[in-house]
Amino acid sequence: MRERDVEAYLVQQVKARGGLVRKVLWIGRRGAPDRLVLLPGHWPFLLELKAPGRKPSEQQAREMARLASFGLPTAWADSFARVDAAIAEMARPESAR
């Protein structure tokens, strides 16, 4: 399995929920999450996709923490299970997070 398989699974799962996934290009900013996930009735969130068994780099972890400190939810996924967990976590009501 490769990162593109994880991405295809993410798109499939989000579309099944009536949502959208957009690839984000951050001009002049390295380490930022690469997908914007939009689910109906929920806040948007950013998701960093990795190949199976890979984790975000230190720079990516710092950037995700920086964005999260401004109230923008972020997560990362390297497997179908982590995609499912990220969607479930981000789709919960704000008061339940």
N, C-alpha and C. Protein backbone atom coordinates (compact mmCIF):
# COMPACT_ATOMS: atom_id res chain seq x y z
N MET A 1 0.86 -1.18 0.00
CA MET A 1 0.00 0.00 0.00
C MET A 1 0.90 1.23 0.00
N ARG A 2 0.43 2.28 -0.67
CA ARG A 2 1.19 3.52 -0.78
C ARG A 2 0.34 4.69 -0.28
N GLU A 3 0.98 5.87 -0.20
CA GLU A 3 0.27 7.07 0.25
C GLU A 3 -0.94 7.35 -0.65
N ARG A 4 -0.80 7.12 -1.93
CA ARG A 4 -1.92 7.39 -2.84
C ARG A 4 -3.12 6.49 -2.55
N ASP A 5 -2.86 5.28 -2.02
CA ASP A 5 -3.97 4.40 -1.63
C ASP A 5 -4.71 4.96 -0.41
N VAL A 6 -3.94 5.52 0.52
CA VAL A 6 -4.54 6.16 1.70
C VAL A 6 -5.35 7.37 1.25
N GLU A 7 -4.81 8.14 0.30
CA GLU A 7 -5.52 9.31 -0.21
C GLU A 7 -6.82 8.91 -0.91
N ALA A 8 -6.77 7.87 -1.73
CA ALA A 8 -7.97 7.42 -2.44
C ALA A 8 -9.04 6.97 -1.43
N TYR A 9 -8.60 6.30 -0.38
CA TYR A 9 -9.54 5.86 0.66
C TYR A 9 -10.15 7.07 1.37
N LEU A 10 -9.34 8.07 1.68
CA LEU A 10 -9.84 9.29 2.32
C LEU A 10 -10.92 9.92 1.45
N VAL A 11 -10.63 10.11 0.17
CA VAL A 11 -11.59 10.73 -0.74
C VAL A 11 -12.88 9.92 -0.78
N GLN A 12 -12.76 8.61 -0.87
CA GLN A 12 -13.94 7.73 -0.91
C GLN A 12 -14.79 7.89 0.35
N GLN A 13 -14.16 7.89 1.50
CA GLN A 13 -14.88 7.97 2.77
C GLN A 13 -15.55 9.34 2.96
N VAL A 14 -14.86 10.39 2.57
CA VAL A 14 -15.42 11.74 2.72
C VAL A 14 -16.57 11.94 1.73
N LYS A 15 -16.41 11.49 0.49
CA LYS A 15 -17.49 11.59 -0.50
C LYS A 15 -18.72 10.82 -0.03
N ALA A 16 -18.52 9.67 0.58
CA ALA A 16 -19.64 8.87 1.07
C ALA A 16 -20.44 9.62 2.14
N ARG A 17 -19.79 10.57 2.80
CA ARG A 17 -20.46 11.38 3.83
C ARG A 17 -20.93 12.72 3.26
N GLY A 18 -20.85 12.88 1.94
CA GLY A 18 -21.31 14.11 1.30
C GLY A 18 -20.31 15.25 1.36
N GLY A 19 -19.05 14.94 1.66
CA GLY A 19 -18.04 15.99 1.83
C GLY A 19 -17.10 16.11 0.65
N LEU A 20 -16.10 16.96 0.83
CA LEU A 20 -15.10 17.24 -0.19
C LEU A 20 -13.70 17.15 0.41
N VAL A 21 -12.75 16.75 -0.41
CA VAL A 21 -11.34 16.77 -0.04
C VAL A 21 -10.62 17.61 -1.09
N ARG A 22 -9.81 18.55 -0.63
CA ARG A 22 -9.03 19.39 -1.54
C ARG A 22 -7.55 19.30 -1.17
N LYS A 23 -6.72 19.18 -2.18
CA LYS A 23 -5.28 19.23 -1.96
C LYS A 23 -4.89 20.69 -1.76
N VAL A 24 -4.08 20.95 -0.77
CA VAL A 24 -3.70 22.32 -0.44
C VAL A 24 -2.21 22.49 -0.74
N LEU A 25 -1.88 23.54 -1.47
CA LEU A 25 -0.49 23.89 -1.72
C LEU A 25 -0.17 25.14 -0.93
N TRP A 26 0.82 25.07 -0.09
CA TRP A 26 1.20 26.18 0.78
C TRP A 26 2.43 26.85 0.18
N ILE A 27 2.24 27.93 -0.51
CA ILE A 27 3.35 28.63 -1.15
C ILE A 27 4.24 29.27 -0.09
N GLY A 28 5.51 28.90 -0.12
CA GLY A 28 6.47 29.46 0.82
C GLY A 28 6.36 28.90 2.22
N ARG A 29 5.64 27.79 2.40
CA ARG A 29 5.47 27.22 3.74
C ARG A 29 5.69 25.72 3.68
N ARG A 30 6.76 25.25 4.26
CA ARG A 30 7.04 23.81 4.27
C ARG A 30 6.46 23.18 5.53
N GLY A 31 6.05 21.93 5.40
CA GLY A 31 5.60 21.18 6.56
C GLY A 31 4.13 21.30 6.88
N ALA A 32 3.38 22.04 6.08
CA ALA A 32 1.95 22.21 6.36
C ALA A 32 1.16 21.01 5.86
N PRO A 33 0.04 20.69 6.50
CA PRO A 33 -0.79 19.56 6.07
C PRO A 33 -1.25 19.73 4.61
N ASP A 34 -1.41 18.60 3.93
CA ASP A 34 -1.64 18.67 2.50
C ASP A 34 -3.08 18.46 2.03
N ARG A 35 -4.01 18.19 2.93
CA ARG A 35 -5.40 18.01 2.52
C ARG A 35 -6.34 18.82 3.40
N LEU A 36 -7.31 19.46 2.76
CA LEU A 36 -8.39 20.16 3.46
C LEU A 36 -9.61 19.27 3.34
N VAL A 37 -10.21 18.92 4.47
CA VAL A 37 -11.38 18.03 4.48
C VAL A 37 -12.60 18.83 4.94
N LEU A 38 -13.64 18.77 4.12
CA LEU A 38 -14.89 19.49 4.40
C LEU A 38 -16.02 18.47 4.52
N LEU A 39 -16.65 18.42 5.67
CA LEU A 39 -17.78 17.54 5.91
C LEU A 39 -19.01 18.38 6.22
N PRO A 40 -20.16 18.05 5.64
CA PRO A 40 -21.36 18.84 5.90
C PRO A 40 -21.68 18.91 7.40
N GLY A 41 -21.92 20.14 7.87
CA GLY A 41 -22.31 20.33 9.26
C GLY A 41 -21.18 20.29 10.26
N HIS A 42 -19.92 20.26 9.78
CA HIS A 42 -18.77 20.17 10.69
C HIS A 42 -17.71 21.19 10.27
N TRP A 43 -16.85 21.53 11.22
CA TRP A 43 -15.76 22.45 10.91
C TRP A 43 -14.79 21.77 9.95
N PRO A 44 -14.21 22.53 9.03
CA PRO A 44 -13.17 21.96 8.16
C PRO A 44 -11.96 21.56 9.00
N PHE A 45 -11.19 20.62 8.49
CA PHE A 45 -9.95 20.27 9.17
C PHE A 45 -8.88 19.94 8.14
N LEU A 46 -7.64 20.02 8.58
CA LEU A 46 -6.50 19.71 7.73
C LEU A 46 -5.96 18.34 8.08
N LEU A 47 -5.58 17.59 7.06
CA LEU A 47 -5.08 16.23 7.27
C LEU A 47 -3.78 16.05 6.50
N GLU A 48 -2.76 15.57 7.19
CA GLU A 48 -1.49 15.23 6.56
C GLU A 48 -1.51 13.74 6.28
N LEU A 49 -1.33 13.37 5.02
CA LEU A 49 -1.31 11.97 4.63
C LEU A 49 0.12 11.49 4.51
N LYS A 50 0.35 10.27 4.98
CA LYS A 50 1.67 9.66 4.94
C LYS A 50 1.55 8.26 4.36
N ALA A 51 2.65 7.74 3.86
CA ALA A 51 2.70 6.35 3.43
C ALA A 51 2.57 5.47 4.68
N PRO A 52 2.03 4.27 4.53
CA PRO A 52 1.88 3.38 5.69
C PRO A 52 3.18 3.20 6.46
N GLY A 53 3.08 3.33 7.77
CA GLY A 53 4.23 3.20 8.64
C GLY A 53 5.06 4.46 8.81
N ARG A 54 4.76 5.50 8.06
CA ARG A 54 5.50 6.76 8.18
C ARG A 54 4.75 7.70 9.10
N LYS A 55 5.48 8.58 9.75
CA LYS A 55 4.90 9.59 10.64
C LYS A 55 5.29 10.97 10.14
N PRO A 56 4.55 12.00 10.56
CA PRO A 56 4.94 13.36 10.17
C PRO A 56 6.34 13.70 10.68
N SER A 57 7.07 14.47 9.91
CA SER A 57 8.39 14.93 10.33
C SER A 57 8.22 15.90 11.51
N GLU A 58 9.33 16.22 12.16
CA GLU A 58 9.28 17.19 13.26
C GLU A 58 8.73 18.53 12.76
N GLN A 59 9.16 18.94 11.58
CA GLN A 59 8.68 20.20 11.01
C GLN A 59 7.17 20.14 10.77
N GLN A 60 6.68 19.03 10.25
CA GLN A 60 5.24 18.88 10.01
C GLN A 60 4.47 18.87 11.34
N ALA A 61 4.99 18.18 12.33
CA ALA A 61 4.33 18.14 13.64
C ALA A 61 4.26 19.55 14.24
N ARG A 62 5.35 20.32 14.13
CA ARG A 62 5.35 21.70 14.64
C ARG A 62 4.32 22.55 13.91
N GLU A 63 4.27 22.43 12.59
CA GLU A 63 3.34 23.24 11.81
C GLU A 63 1.88 22.86 12.13
N MET A 64 1.60 21.56 12.29
CA MET A 64 0.24 21.15 12.65
C MET A 64 -0.13 21.68 14.03
N ALA A 65 0.81 21.64 14.97
CA ALA A 65 0.55 22.18 16.31
C ALA A 65 0.32 23.69 16.24
N ARG A 66 1.09 24.38 15.41
CA ARG A 66 0.94 25.83 15.26
C ARG A 66 -0.46 26.15 14.72
N LEU A 67 -0.90 25.44 13.69
CA LEU A 67 -2.23 25.67 13.12
C LEU A 67 -3.33 25.34 14.13
N ALA A 68 -3.14 24.24 14.86
CA ALA A 68 -4.12 23.84 15.87
C ALA A 68 -4.22 24.88 16.98
N SER A 69 -3.12 25.56 17.29
CA SER A 69 -3.14 26.57 18.35
C SER A 69 -4.02 27.77 17.96
N PHE A 70 -4.29 27.92 16.67
CA PHE A 70 -5.17 28.98 16.19
C PHE A 70 -6.61 28.48 16.01
N GLY A 71 -6.86 27.25 16.46
CA GLY A 71 -8.21 26.72 16.41
C GLY A 71 -8.55 25.93 15.16
N LEU A 72 -7.57 25.70 14.29
CA LEU A 72 -7.82 24.92 13.08
C LEU A 72 -7.47 23.46 13.35
N PRO A 73 -8.45 22.58 13.39
CA PRO A 73 -8.18 21.17 13.69
C PRO A 73 -7.25 20.55 12.65
N THR A 74 -6.30 19.75 13.12
CA THR A 74 -5.37 19.06 12.24
C THR A 74 -5.22 17.62 12.71
N ALA A 75 -4.87 16.75 11.78
CA ALA A 75 -4.61 15.34 12.09
C ALA A 75 -3.70 14.79 11.01
N TRP A 76 -3.27 13.55 11.19
CA TRP A 76 -2.49 12.88 10.16
C TRP A 76 -2.93 11.43 10.08
N ALA A 77 -2.69 10.81 8.93
CA ALA A 77 -3.10 9.43 8.73
C ALA A 77 -2.13 8.72 7.81
N ASP A 78 -1.81 7.47 8.18
CA ASP A 78 -0.95 6.64 7.34
C ASP A 78 -1.60 5.29 7.00
N SER A 79 -2.90 5.17 7.31
CA SER A 79 -3.60 3.92 7.05
C SER A 79 -5.10 4.19 6.95
N PHE A 80 -5.82 3.20 6.47
CA PHE A 80 -7.27 3.33 6.38
C PHE A 80 -7.86 3.53 7.78
N ALA A 81 -7.34 2.80 8.75
CA ALA A 81 -7.85 2.91 10.13
C ALA A 81 -7.64 4.31 10.68
N ARG A 82 -6.48 4.91 10.40
CA ARG A 82 -6.22 6.27 10.90
C ARG A 82 -7.06 7.31 10.16
N VAL A 83 -7.37 7.06 8.89
CA VAL A 83 -8.29 7.95 8.17
C VAL A 83 -9.66 7.88 8.85
N ASP A 84 -10.14 6.67 9.11
CA ASP A 84 -11.44 6.51 9.78
C ASP A 84 -11.45 7.21 11.14
N ALA A 85 -10.36 7.04 11.90
CA ALA A 85 -10.28 7.66 13.23
C ALA A 85 -10.26 9.18 13.13
N ALA A 86 -9.54 9.72 12.16
CA ALA A 86 -9.47 11.18 11.99
C ALA A 86 -10.84 11.74 11.63
N ILE A 87 -11.53 11.07 10.71
CA ILE A 87 -12.86 11.53 10.32
C ILE A 87 -13.81 11.47 11.51
N ALA A 88 -13.77 10.36 12.25
CA ALA A 88 -14.65 10.22 13.42
C ALA A 88 -14.36 11.30 14.46
N GLU A 89 -13.09 11.57 14.71
CA GLU A 89 -12.71 12.58 15.71
C GLU A 89 -13.14 13.97 15.26
N MET A 90 -12.88 14.31 14.01
CA MET A 90 -13.18 15.66 13.53
C MET A 90 -14.66 15.87 13.28
N ALA A 91 -15.41 14.79 13.09
CA ALA A 91 -16.86 14.92 12.85
C ALA A 91 -17.66 14.98 14.13
N ARG A 92 -16.99 14.77 15.27
CA ARG A 92 -17.68 14.90 16.56
C ARG A 92 -18.02 16.35 16.80
N PRO A 93 -19.10 16.60 17.55
CA PRO A 93 -19.42 18.00 17.90
C PRO A 93 -18.24 18.66 18.62
N GLU A 94 -18.07 19.95 18.41
CA GLU A 94 -16.97 20.70 19.03
C GLU A 94 -16.91 20.49 20.53
N SER A 95 -18.07 20.44 21.18
CA SER A 95 -18.10 20.30 22.64
C SER A 95 -17.60 18.93 23.09
N ALA A 96 -17.60 17.94 22.18
CA ALA A 96 -17.18 16.59 22.55
C ALA A 96 -15.70 16.36 22.30
N ARG A 97 -15.02 17.30 21.65
CA ARG A 97 -13.58 17.12 21.36
C ARG A 97 -12.73 17.44 22.52
